[in-house]
């Protein structure tokens, strides 16, 4: 039984050593990407929303590459999913939603 515990702790230590670089990269990007917008970001947000509206009016969305269109689709799906997850968390249950 003691050898099993020793092997288990050795396995956990190796796992932590191997996972550490990937965890560091995740934390580096999480600090940048998962922070809420600051008041300094508001003008850039307004400008990008204006560009989206202008693109919809002028039809410039027709000139997107497939890669850009796919990326825009994924971002839109992510925003929708986070909205519905937030709704379920706020309501504290899924009952009442057509899931």
PDB file of N, CA and C in Angstrom:
ATOM      1  N   UNK A   1       0.820  -1.189   0.000  1.00  0.00           N
ATOM      2  CA  UNK A   1       0.000   0.000   0.000  1.00  0.00           C
ATOM      3  C   UNK A   1       0.867   1.257   0.000  1.00  0.00           C
ATOM      4  N   UNK A   2       2.002   1.192   0.705  1.00  0.00           N
ATOM      5  CA  UNK A   2       2.901   2.344   0.767  1.00  0.00           C
ATOM      6  C   UNK A   2       3.507   2.630  -0.602  1.00  0.00           C
ATOM      7  N   UNK A   3       3.818   1.573  -1.358  1.00  0.00           N
ATOM      8  CA  UNK A   3       4.390   1.793  -2.690  1.00  0.00           C
ATOM      9  C   UNK A   3       3.361   2.417  -3.629  1.00  0.00           C
ATOM     10  N   UNK A   4       2.097   2.068  -3.454  1.00  0.00           N
ATOM     11  CA  UNK A   4       1.037   2.665  -4.267  1.00  0.00           C
ATOM     12  C   UNK A   4       0.909   4.160  -3.991  1.00  0.00           C
ATOM     13  N   UNK A   5       1.009   4.543  -2.716  1.00  0.00           N
ATOM     14  CA  UNK A   5       0.946   5.953  -2.353  1.00  0.00           C
ATOM     15  C   UNK A   5       2.149   6.706  -2.898  1.00  0.00           C
ATOM     16  N   UNK A   6       3.314   6.085  -2.870  1.00  0.00           N
ATOM     17  CA  UNK A   6       4.524   6.714  -3.399  1.00  0.00           C
ATOM     18  C   UNK A   6       4.409   6.907  -4.910  1.00  0.00           C
ATOM     19  N   UNK A   7       3.924   5.876  -5.599  1.00  0.00           N
ATOM     20  CA  UNK A   7       3.747   5.990  -7.055  1.00  0.00           C
ATOM     21  C   UNK A   7       2.703   7.053  -7.390  1.00  0.00           C
ATOM     22  N   UNK A   8       1.641   7.109  -6.603  1.00  0.00           N
ATOM     23  CA  UNK A   8       0.594   8.102  -6.841  1.00  0.00           C
ATOM     24  C   UNK A   8       1.099   9.516  -6.654  1.00  0.00           C
ATOM     25  N   UNK A   9       1.882   9.747  -5.594  1.00  0.00           N
ATOM     26  CA  UNK A   9       2.420  11.096  -5.378  1.00  0.00           C
ATOM     27  C   UNK A   9       3.432  11.455  -6.449  1.00  0.00           C
ATOM     28  N   UNK A  10       4.205  10.474  -6.907  1.00  0.00           N
ATOM     29  CA  UNK A  10       5.145  10.730  -8.005  1.00  0.00           C
ATOM     30  C   UNK A  10       4.424  11.090  -9.286  1.00  0.00           C
ATOM     31  N   UNK A  11       3.317  10.416  -9.540  1.00  0.00           N
ATOM     32  CA  UNK A  11       2.520  10.705 -10.728  1.00  0.00           C
ATOM     33  C   UNK A  11       1.922  12.106 -10.665  1.00  0.00           C
ATOM     34  N   UNK A  12       1.428  12.483  -9.494  1.00  0.00           N
ATOM     35  CA  UNK A  12       0.861  13.819  -9.318  1.00  0.00           C
ATOM     36  C   UNK A  12       1.939  14.880  -9.511  1.00  0.00           C
ATOM     37  N   UNK A  13       3.132  14.650  -8.975  1.00  0.00           N
ATOM     38  CA  UNK A  13       4.228  15.620  -9.135  1.00  0.00           C
ATOM     39  C   UNK A  13       4.619  15.776 -10.598  1.00  0.00           C
ATOM     40  N   UNK A  14       4.701  14.677 -11.344  1.00  0.00           N
ATOM     41  CA  UNK A  14       5.035  14.760 -12.771  1.00  0.00           C
ATOM     42  C   UNK A  14       3.941  15.494 -13.538  1.00  0.00           C
ATOM     43  N   UNK A  15       2.697  15.232 -13.179  1.00  0.00           N
ATOM     44  CA  UNK A  15       1.578  15.905 -13.828  1.00  0.00           C
ATOM     45  C   UNK A  15       1.636  17.412 -13.599  1.00  0.00           C
ATOM     46  N   UNK A  16       1.938  17.816 -12.378  1.00  0.00           N
ATOM     47  CA  UNK A  16       2.041  19.244 -12.078  1.00  0.00           C
ATOM     48  C   UNK A  16       3.199  19.898 -12.823  1.00  0.00           C
ATOM     49  N   UNK A  17       4.323  19.202 -12.926  1.00  0.00           N
ATOM     50  CA  UNK A  17       5.485  19.750 -13.646  1.00  0.00           C
ATOM     51  C   UNK A  17       5.156  19.924 -15.123  1.00  0.00           C
ATOM     52  N   UNK A  18       4.457  18.955 -15.706  1.00  0.00           N
ATOM     53  CA  UNK A  18       4.114  19.049 -17.124  1.00  0.00           C
ATOM     54  C   UNK A  18       3.016  20.076 -17.393  1.00  0.00           C
ATOM     55  N   UNK A  19       2.099  20.257 -16.465  1.00  0.00           N
ATOM     56  CA  UNK A  19       0.979  21.171 -16.679  1.00  0.00           C
ATOM     57  C   UNK A  19       1.347  22.618 -16.379  1.00  0.00           C
ATOM     58  N   UNK A  20       2.413  22.852 -15.653  1.00  0.00           N
ATOM     59  CA  UNK A  20       2.765  24.210 -15.231  1.00  0.00           C
ATOM     60  C   UNK A  20       2.961  25.181 -16.402  1.00  0.00           C
ATOM     61  N   UNK A  21       3.728  24.843 -17.455  1.00  0.00           N
ATOM     62  CA  UNK A  21       3.883  25.809 -18.566  1.00  0.00           C
ATOM     63  C   UNK A  21       2.560  26.147 -19.239  1.00  0.00           C
ATOM     64  N   UNK A  22       1.698  25.167 -19.417  1.00  0.00           N
ATOM     65  CA  UNK A  22       0.412  25.431 -20.057  1.00  0.00           C
ATOM     66  C   UNK A  22      -0.471  26.283 -19.156  1.00  0.00           C
ATOM     67  N   UNK A  23      -0.407  26.065 -17.869  1.00  0.00           N
ATOM     68  CA  UNK A  23      -1.169  26.873 -16.928  1.00  0.00           C
ATOM     69  C   UNK A  23      -0.672  28.312 -16.923  1.00  0.00           C
ATOM     70  N   UNK A  24       0.640  28.497 -17.021  1.00  0.00           N
ATOM     71  CA  UNK A  24       1.198  29.850 -17.067  1.00  0.00           C
ATOM     72  C   UNK A  24       0.724  30.605 -18.303  1.00  0.00           C
ATOM     73  N   UNK A  25       0.697  29.921 -19.450  1.00  0.00           N
ATOM     74  CA  UNK A  25       0.217  30.558 -20.683  1.00  0.00           C
ATOM     75  C   UNK A  25      -1.264  30.910 -20.547  1.00  0.00           C
ATOM     76  N   UNK A  26      -2.053  29.986 -19.980  1.00  0.00           N
ATOM     77  CA  UNK A  26      -3.476  30.250 -19.783  1.00  0.00           C
ATOM     78  C   UNK A  26      -3.675  31.473 -18.896  1.00  0.00           C
ATOM     79  N   UNK A  27      -2.944  31.551 -17.796  1.00  0.00           N
ATOM     80  CA  UNK A  27      -3.100  32.684 -16.875  1.00  0.00           C
ATOM     81  C   UNK A  27      -2.670  33.992 -17.524  1.00  0.00           C
ATOM     82  N   UNK A  28      -1.629  33.945 -18.356  1.00  0.00           N
ATOM     83  CA  UNK A  28      -1.163  35.147 -19.055  1.00  0.00           C
ATOM     84  C   UNK A  28      -2.277  35.708 -19.945  1.00  0.00           C
ATOM     85  N   UNK A  29      -2.920  34.832 -20.723  1.00  0.00           N
ATOM     86  CA  UNK A  29      -3.990  35.288 -21.600  1.00  0.00           C
ATOM     87  C   UNK A  29      -5.273  35.588 -20.835  1.00  0.00           C
ATOM     88  N   UNK A  30      -5.533  34.873 -19.768  1.00  0.00           N
ATOM     89  CA  UNK A  30      -6.746  35.105 -18.986  1.00  0.00           C
ATOM     90  C   UNK A  30      -6.730  36.492 -18.357  1.00  0.00           C
ATOM     91  N   UNK A  31      -5.563  36.956 -17.920  1.00  0.00           N
ATOM     92  CA  UNK A  31      -5.472  38.289 -17.319  1.00  0.00           C
ATOM     93  C   UNK A  31      -5.816  39.373 -18.330  1.00  0.00           C
ATOM     94  N   UNK A  32      -5.525  39.130 -19.598  1.00  0.00           N
ATOM     95  CA  UNK A  32      -5.780  40.128 -20.636  1.00  0.00           C
ATOM     96  C   UNK A  32      -7.195  39.982 -21.198  1.00  0.00           C
ATOM     97  N   UNK A  33      -7.597  38.765 -21.512  1.00  0.00           N
ATOM     98  CA  UNK A  33      -8.846  38.547 -22.235  1.00  0.00           C
ATOM     99  C   UNK A  33     -10.082  38.496 -21.351  1.00  0.00           C
ATOM    100  N   UNK A  34      -9.952  38.124 -20.100  1.00  0.00           N
ATOM    101  CA  UNK A  34     -11.116  37.933 -19.247  1.00  0.00           C
ATOM    102  C   UNK A  34     -11.385  39.099 -18.304  1.00  0.00           C
ATOM    103  N   UNK A  35     -10.688  40.195 -18.482  1.00  0.00           N
ATOM    104  CA  UNK A  35     -10.934  41.357 -17.640  1.00  0.00           C
ATOM    105  C   UNK A  35     -12.073  42.185 -18.242  1.00  0.00           C
ATOM    106  N   UNK A  36     -12.876  42.806 -17.412  1.00  0.00           N
ATOM    107  CA  UNK A  36     -13.956  43.648 -17.952  1.00  0.00           C
ATOM    108  C   UNK A  36     -13.379  44.909 -18.585  1.00  0.00           C
ATOM    109  N   UNK A  37     -14.119  45.526 -19.479  1.00  0.00           N
ATOM    110  CA  UNK A  37     -13.610  46.746 -20.124  1.00  0.00           C
ATOM    111  C   UNK A  37     -13.478  47.893 -19.121  1.00  0.00           C
ATOM    112  N   UNK A  38     -12.473  48.711 -19.343  1.00  0.00           N
ATOM    113  CA  UNK A  38     -12.258  49.887 -18.500  1.00  0.00           C
ATOM    114  C   UNK A  38     -12.890  51.097 -19.182  1.00  0.00           C
ATOM    115  N   UNK A  39     -13.052  52.192 -18.461  1.00  0.00           N
ATOM    116  CA  UNK A  39     -13.590  53.395 -19.118  1.00  0.00           C
ATOM    117  C   UNK A  39     -12.739  53.871 -20.305  1.00  0.00           C
ATOM    118  N   UNK A  40     -11.457  53.556 -20.300  1.00  0.00           N
ATOM    119  CA  UNK A  40     -10.605  53.945 -21.421  1.00  0.00           C
ATOM    120  C   UNK A  40     -10.932  53.150 -22.687  1.00  0.00           C
ATOM    121  N   UNK A  41     -11.576  52.001 -22.540  1.00  0.00           N
ATOM    122  CA  UNK A  41     -11.918  51.167 -23.686  1.00  0.00           C
ATOM    123  C   UNK A  41     -13.219  51.588 -24.364  1.00  0.00           C
ATOM    124  N   UNK A  42     -13.993  52.444 -23.741  1.00  0.00           N
ATOM    125  CA  UNK A  42     -15.315  52.823 -24.257  1.00  0.00           C
ATOM    126  C   UNK A  42     -15.236  53.455 -25.658  1.00  0.00           C
ATOM    127  N   UNK A  43     -14.316  54.397 -25.940  1.00  0.00           N
ATOM    128  CA  UNK A  43     -14.278  54.952 -27.307  1.00  0.00           C
ATOM    129  C   UNK A  43     -13.988  53.893 -28.373  1.00  0.00           C
ATOM    130  N   UNK A  44     -13.114  52.953 -28.084  1.00  0.00           N
ATOM    131  CA  UNK A  44     -12.816  51.902 -29.067  1.00  0.00           C
ATOM    132  C   UNK A  44     -14.023  51.007 -29.282  1.00  0.00           C
ATOM    133  N   UNK A  45     -14.769  50.744 -28.226  1.00  0.00           N
ATOM    134  CA  UNK A  45     -15.975  49.919 -28.350  1.00  0.00           C
ATOM    135  C   UNK A  45     -17.013  50.637 -29.194  1.00  0.00           C
ATOM    136  N   UNK A  46     -17.187  51.931 -28.938  1.00  0.00           N
ATOM    137  CA  UNK A  46     -18.146  52.713 -29.734  1.00  0.00           C
ATOM    138  C   UNK A  46     -17.753  52.744 -31.206  1.00  0.00           C
ATOM    139  N   UNK A  47     -16.450  52.899 -31.468  1.00  0.00           N
ATOM    140  CA  UNK A  47     -15.983  52.944 -32.848  1.00  0.00           C
ATOM    141  C   UNK A  47     -16.222  51.604 -33.546  1.00  0.00           C
ATOM    142  N   UNK A  48     -15.964  50.499 -32.866  1.00  0.00           N
ATOM    143  CA  UNK A  48     -16.163  49.194 -33.499  1.00  0.00           C
ATOM    144  C   UNK A  48     -17.645  48.923 -33.744  1.00  0.00           C
ATOM    145  N   UNK A  49     -18.501  49.347 -32.827  1.00  0.00           N
ATOM    146  CA  UNK A  49     -19.945  49.187 -33.051  1.00  0.00           C
ATOM    147  C   UNK A  49     -20.385  50.050 -34.235  1.00  0.00           C
ATOM    148  N   UNK A  50     -19.846  51.258 -34.328  1.00  0.00           N
ATOM    149  CA  UNK A  50     -20.143  52.118 -35.475  1.00  0.00           C
ATOM    150  C   UNK A  50     -19.679  51.501 -36.782  1.00  0.00           C
ATOM    151  N   UNK A  51     -18.514  50.854 -36.757  1.00  0.00           N
ATOM    152  CA  UNK A  51     -18.026  50.182 -37.961  1.00  0.00           C
ATOM    153  C   UNK A  51     -18.932  49.025 -38.365  1.00  0.00           C
ATOM    154  N   UNK A  52     -19.455  48.308 -37.379  1.00  0.00           N
ATOM    155  CA  UNK A  52     -20.365  47.205 -37.686  1.00  0.00           C
ATOM    156  C   UNK A  52     -21.644  47.732 -38.332  1.00  0.00           C
ATOM    157  N   UNK A  53     -22.201  48.807 -37.762  1.00  0.00           N
ATOM    158  CA  UNK A  53     -23.429  49.390 -38.315  1.00  0.00           C
ATOM    159  C   UNK A  53     -23.172  49.933 -39.716  1.00  0.00           C
ATOM    160  N   UNK A  54     -22.051  50.617 -39.886  1.00  0.00           N
ATOM    161  CA  UNK A  54     -21.716  51.165 -41.202  1.00  0.00           C
ATOM    162  C   UNK A  54     -21.518  50.044 -42.221  1.00  0.00           C
ATOM    163  N   UNK A  55     -20.878  48.955 -41.805  1.00  0.00           N
ATOM    164  CA  UNK A  55     -20.678  47.817 -42.695  1.00  0.00           C
ATOM    165  C   UNK A  55     -21.987  47.157 -43.084  1.00  0.00           C
ATOM    166  N   UNK A  56     -22.934  47.120 -42.160  1.00  0.00           N
ATOM    167  CA  UNK A  56     -24.246  46.543 -42.473  1.00  0.00           C
ATOM    168  C   UNK A  56     -25.009  47.428 -43.457  1.00  0.00           C
ATOM    169  N   UNK A  57     -24.874  48.745 -43.311  1.00  0.00           N
ATOM    170  CA  UNK A  57     -25.576  49.666 -44.213  1.00  0.00           C
ATOM    171  C   UNK A  57     -24.972  49.669 -45.613  1.00  0.00           C
ATOM    172  N   UNK A  58     -23.657  49.637 -45.704  1.00  0.00           N
ATOM    173  CA  UNK A  58     -22.989  49.730 -47.003  1.00  0.00           C
ATOM    174  C   UNK A  58     -22.820  48.387 -47.692  1.00  0.00           C
ATOM    175  N   UNK A  59     -22.989  47.289 -46.948  1.00  0.00           N
ATOM    176  CA  UNK A  59     -22.845  45.968 -47.556  1.00  0.00           C
ATOM    177  C   UNK A  59     -21.411  45.498 -47.641  1.00  0.00           C
ATOM    178  N   UNK A  60     -20.516  46.087 -46.862  1.00  0.00           N
ATOM    179  CA  UNK A  60     -19.114  45.675 -46.928  1.00  0.00           C
ATOM    180  C   UNK A  60     -18.878  44.300 -46.311  1.00  0.00           C
ATOM    181  N   UNK A  61     -19.880  43.772 -45.608  1.00  0.00           N
ATOM    182  CA  UNK A  61     -19.748  42.429 -45.054  1.00  0.00           C
ATOM    183  C   UNK A  61     -19.667  41.383 -46.170  1.00  0.00           C
ATOM    184  N   UNK A  62     -20.080  41.736 -47.365  1.00  0.00           N
ATOM    185  CA  UNK A  62     -20.025  40.803 -48.493  1.00  0.00           C
ATOM    186  C   UNK A  62     -18.588  40.578 -48.970  1.00  0.00           C
ATOM    187  N   UNK A  63     -17.668  41.441 -48.576  1.00  0.00           N
ATOM    188  CA  UNK A  63     -16.281  41.337 -49.009  1.00  0.00           C
ATOM    189  C   UNK A  63     -15.388  40.649 -47.986  1.00  0.00           C
ATOM    190  N   UNK A  64     -15.965  40.008 -46.978  1.00  0.00           N
ATOM    191  CA  UNK A  64     -15.178  39.306 -45.978  1.00  0.00           C
ATOM    192  C   UNK A  64     -14.634  38.004 -46.554  1.00  0.00           C
ATOM    193  N   UNK A  65     -13.477  37.601 -46.044  1.00  0.00           N
ATOM    194  CA  UNK A  65     -12.965  36.292 -46.406  1.00  0.00           C
ATOM    195  C   UNK A  65     -13.725  35.248 -45.598  1.00  0.00           C
ATOM    196  N   UNK A  66     -13.594  34.009 -45.996  1.00  0.00           N
ATOM    197  CA  UNK A  66     -14.277  32.929 -45.283  1.00  0.00           C
ATOM    198  C   UNK A  66     -13.762  32.847 -43.847  1.00  0.00           C
ATOM    199  N   UNK A  67     -12.469  33.052 -43.681  1.00  0.00           N
ATOM    200  CA  UNK A  67     -11.877  32.993 -42.340  1.00  0.00           C
ATOM    201  C   UNK A  67     -12.452  34.095 -41.441  1.00  0.00           C
ATOM    202  N   UNK A  68     -12.554  35.312 -41.956  1.00  0.00           N
ATOM    203  CA  UNK A  68     -13.108  36.421 -41.176  1.00  0.00           C
ATOM    204  C   UNK A  68     -14.583  36.188 -40.858  1.00  0.00           C
ATOM    205  N   UNK A  69     -15.339  35.679 -41.826  1.00  0.00           N
ATOM    206  CA  UNK A  69     -16.760  35.419 -41.594  1.00  0.00           C
ATOM    207  C   UNK A  69     -16.945  34.319 -40.554  1.00  0.00           C
ATOM    208  N   UNK A  70     -16.126  33.265 -40.617  1.00  0.00           N
ATOM    209  CA  UNK A  70     -16.210  32.182 -39.641  1.00  0.00           C
ATOM    210  C   UNK A  70     -15.853  32.694 -38.247  1.00  0.00           C
ATOM    211  N   UNK A  71     -14.840  33.532 -38.157  1.00  0.00           N
ATOM    212  CA  UNK A  71     -14.447  34.099 -36.872  1.00  0.00           C
ATOM    213  C   UNK A  71     -15.565  34.970 -36.302  1.00  0.00           C
ATOM    214  N   UNK A  72     -16.189  35.779 -37.134  1.00  0.00           N
ATOM    215  CA  UNK A  72     -17.314  36.601 -36.677  1.00  0.00           C
ATOM    216  C   UNK A  72     -18.482  35.731 -36.214  1.00  0.00           C
ATOM    217  N   UNK A  73     -18.724  34.631 -36.898  1.00  0.00           N
ATOM    218  CA  UNK A  73     -19.795  33.715 -36.501  1.00  0.00           C
ATOM    219  C   UNK A  73     -19.494  33.093 -35.144  1.00  0.00           C
ATOM    220  N   UNK A  74     -18.256  32.668 -34.931  1.00  0.00           N
ATOM    221  CA  UNK A  74     -17.887  32.072 -33.647  1.00  0.00           C
ATOM    222  C   UNK A  74     -17.988  33.076 -32.504  1.00  0.00           C
ATOM    223  N   UNK A  75     -17.585  34.308 -32.747  1.00  0.00           N
ATOM    224  CA  UNK A  75     -17.678  35.335 -31.707  1.00  0.00           C
ATOM    225  C   UNK A  75     -19.139  35.622 -31.375  1.00  0.00           C
ATOM    226  N   UNK A  76     -19.985  35.689 -32.393  1.00  0.00           N
ATOM    227  CA  UNK A  76     -21.412  35.909 -32.151  1.00  0.00           C
ATOM    228  C   UNK A  76     -22.015  34.758 -31.352  1.00  0.00           C
ATOM    229  N   UNK A  77     -21.653  33.533 -31.694  1.00  0.00           N
ATOM    230  CA  UNK A  77     -22.166  32.370 -30.952  1.00  0.00           C
ATOM    231  C   UNK A  77     -21.686  32.405 -29.503  1.00  0.00           C
ATOM    232  N   UNK A  78     -20.435  32.804 -29.288  1.00  0.00           N
ATOM    233  CA  UNK A  78     -19.915  32.884 -27.923  1.00  0.00           C
ATOM    234  C   UNK A  78     -20.693  33.909 -27.101  1.00  0.00           C
ATOM    235  N   UNK A  79     -20.971  35.053 -27.680  1.00  0.00           N
ATOM    236  CA  UNK A  79     -21.727  36.084 -26.962  1.00  0.00           C
ATOM    237  C   UNK A  79     -23.131  35.584 -26.625  1.00  0.00           C
ATOM    238  N   UNK A  80     -23.771  34.913 -27.565  1.00  0.00           N
ATOM    239  CA  UNK A  80     -25.118  34.384 -27.321  1.00  0.00           C
ATOM    240  C   UNK A  80     -25.090  33.321 -26.230  1.00  0.00           C
ATOM    241  N   UNK A  81     -24.103  32.424 -26.300  1.00  0.00           N
ATOM    242  CA  UNK A  81     -24.006  31.379 -25.277  1.00  0.00           C
ATOM    243  C   UNK A  81     -23.780  31.975 -23.903  1.00  0.00           C
ATOM    244  N   UNK A  82     -22.887  32.954 -23.782  1.00  0.00           N
ATOM    245  CA  UNK A  82     -22.645  33.579 -22.473  1.00  0.00           C
ATOM    246  C   UNK A  82     -23.902  34.283 -21.973  1.00  0.00           C
ATOM    247  N   UNK A  83     -24.678  34.864 -22.889  1.00  0.00           N
ATOM    248  CA  UNK A  83     -25.926  35.502 -22.475  1.00  0.00           C
ATOM    249  C   UNK A  83     -26.875  34.484 -21.863  1.00  0.00           C
ATOM    250  N   UNK A  84     -27.076  33.357 -22.538  1.00  0.00           N
ATOM    251  CA  UNK A  84     -27.999  32.351 -22.025  1.00  0.00           C
ATOM    252  C   UNK A  84     -27.473  31.689 -20.758  1.00  0.00           C
ATOM    253  N   UNK A  85     -26.175  31.481 -20.656  1.00  0.00           N
ATOM    254  CA  UNK A  85     -25.608  30.936 -19.417  1.00  0.00           C
ATOM    255  C   UNK A  85     -25.831  31.926 -18.279  1.00  0.00           C
ATOM    256  N   UNK A  86     -25.642  33.202 -18.539  1.00  0.00           N
ATOM    257  CA  UNK A  86     -25.893  34.220 -17.520  1.00  0.00           C
ATOM    258  C   UNK A  86     -27.349  34.269 -17.111  1.00  0.00           C
ATOM    259  N   UNK A  87     -28.239  34.084 -18.067  1.00  0.00           N
ATOM    260  CA  UNK A  87     -29.664  34.035 -17.741  1.00  0.00           C
ATOM    261  C   UNK A  87     -29.977  32.862 -16.811  1.00  0.00           C
ATOM    262  N   UNK A  88     -29.421  31.696 -17.120  1.00  0.00           N
ATOM    263  CA  UNK A  88     -29.669  30.514 -16.282  1.00  0.00           C
ATOM    264  C   UNK A  88     -29.065  30.693 -14.901  1.00  0.00           C
ATOM    265  N   UNK A  89     -27.890  31.287 -14.819  1.00  0.00           N
ATOM    266  CA  UNK A  89     -27.266  31.521 -13.517  1.00  0.00           C
ATOM    267  C   UNK A  89     -28.088  32.528 -12.731  1.00  0.00           C
ATOM    268  N   UNK A  90     -28.552  33.567 -13.389  1.00  0.00           N
ATOM    269  CA  UNK A  90     -29.349  34.578 -12.704  1.00  0.00           C
ATOM    270  C   UNK A  90     -30.675  34.047 -12.210  1.00  0.00           C
ATOM    271  N   UNK A  91     -31.249  33.142 -12.962  1.00  0.00           N
ATOM    272  CA  UNK A  91     -32.521  32.564 -12.569  1.00  0.00           C
ATOM    273  C   UNK A  91     -32.320  31.380 -11.614  1.00  0.00           C
ATOM    274  N   UNK A  92     -31.105  30.871 -11.544  1.00  0.00           N
ATOM    275  CA  UNK A  92     -30.676  29.778 -10.668  1.00  0.00           C
ATOM    276  C   UNK A  92     -31.247  28.416 -11.040  1.00  0.00           C
ATOM    277  N   UNK A  93     -31.831  28.284 -12.204  1.00  0.00           N
ATOM    278  CA  UNK A  93     -32.250  26.973 -12.678  1.00  0.00           C
ATOM    279  C   UNK A  93     -32.588  27.066 -14.158  1.00  0.00           C
ATOM    280  N   UNK A  94     -32.687  25.916 -14.788  1.00  0.00           N
ATOM    281  CA  UNK A  94     -32.959  25.875 -16.225  1.00  0.00           C
ATOM    282  C   UNK A  94     -34.460  25.803 -16.489  1.00  0.00           C
ATOM    283  N   UNK A  95     -35.251  25.521 -15.472  1.00  0.00           N
ATOM    284  CA  UNK A  95     -36.696  25.367 -15.641  1.00  0.00           C
ATOM    285  C   UNK A  95     -37.279  26.660 -16.203  1.00  0.00           C
ATOM    286  N   UNK A  96     -38.081  26.536 -17.204  1.00  0.00           N
ATOM    287  CA  UNK A  96     -38.681  27.696 -17.835  1.00  0.00           C
ATOM    288  C   UNK A  96     -38.000  28.082 -19.126  1.00  0.00           C
ATOM    289  N   UNK A  97     -36.907  27.404 -19.468  1.00  0.00           N
ATOM    290  CA  UNK A  97     -36.196  27.655 -20.711  1.00  0.00           C
ATOM    291  C   UNK A  97     -36.364  26.455 -21.616  1.00  0.00           C
ATOM    292  N   UNK A  98     -36.498  26.690 -22.879  1.00  0.00           N
ATOM    293  CA  UNK A  98     -36.549  25.611 -23.853  1.00  0.00           C
ATOM    294  C   UNK A  98     -35.111  25.259 -24.253  1.00  0.00           C
ATOM    295  N   UNK A  99     -34.516  24.374 -23.497  1.00  0.00           N
ATOM    296  CA  UNK A  99     -33.115  24.006 -23.719  1.00  0.00           C
ATOM    297  C   UNK A  99     -33.042  22.770 -24.567  1.00  0.00           C
TER     298      UNK A  99
END
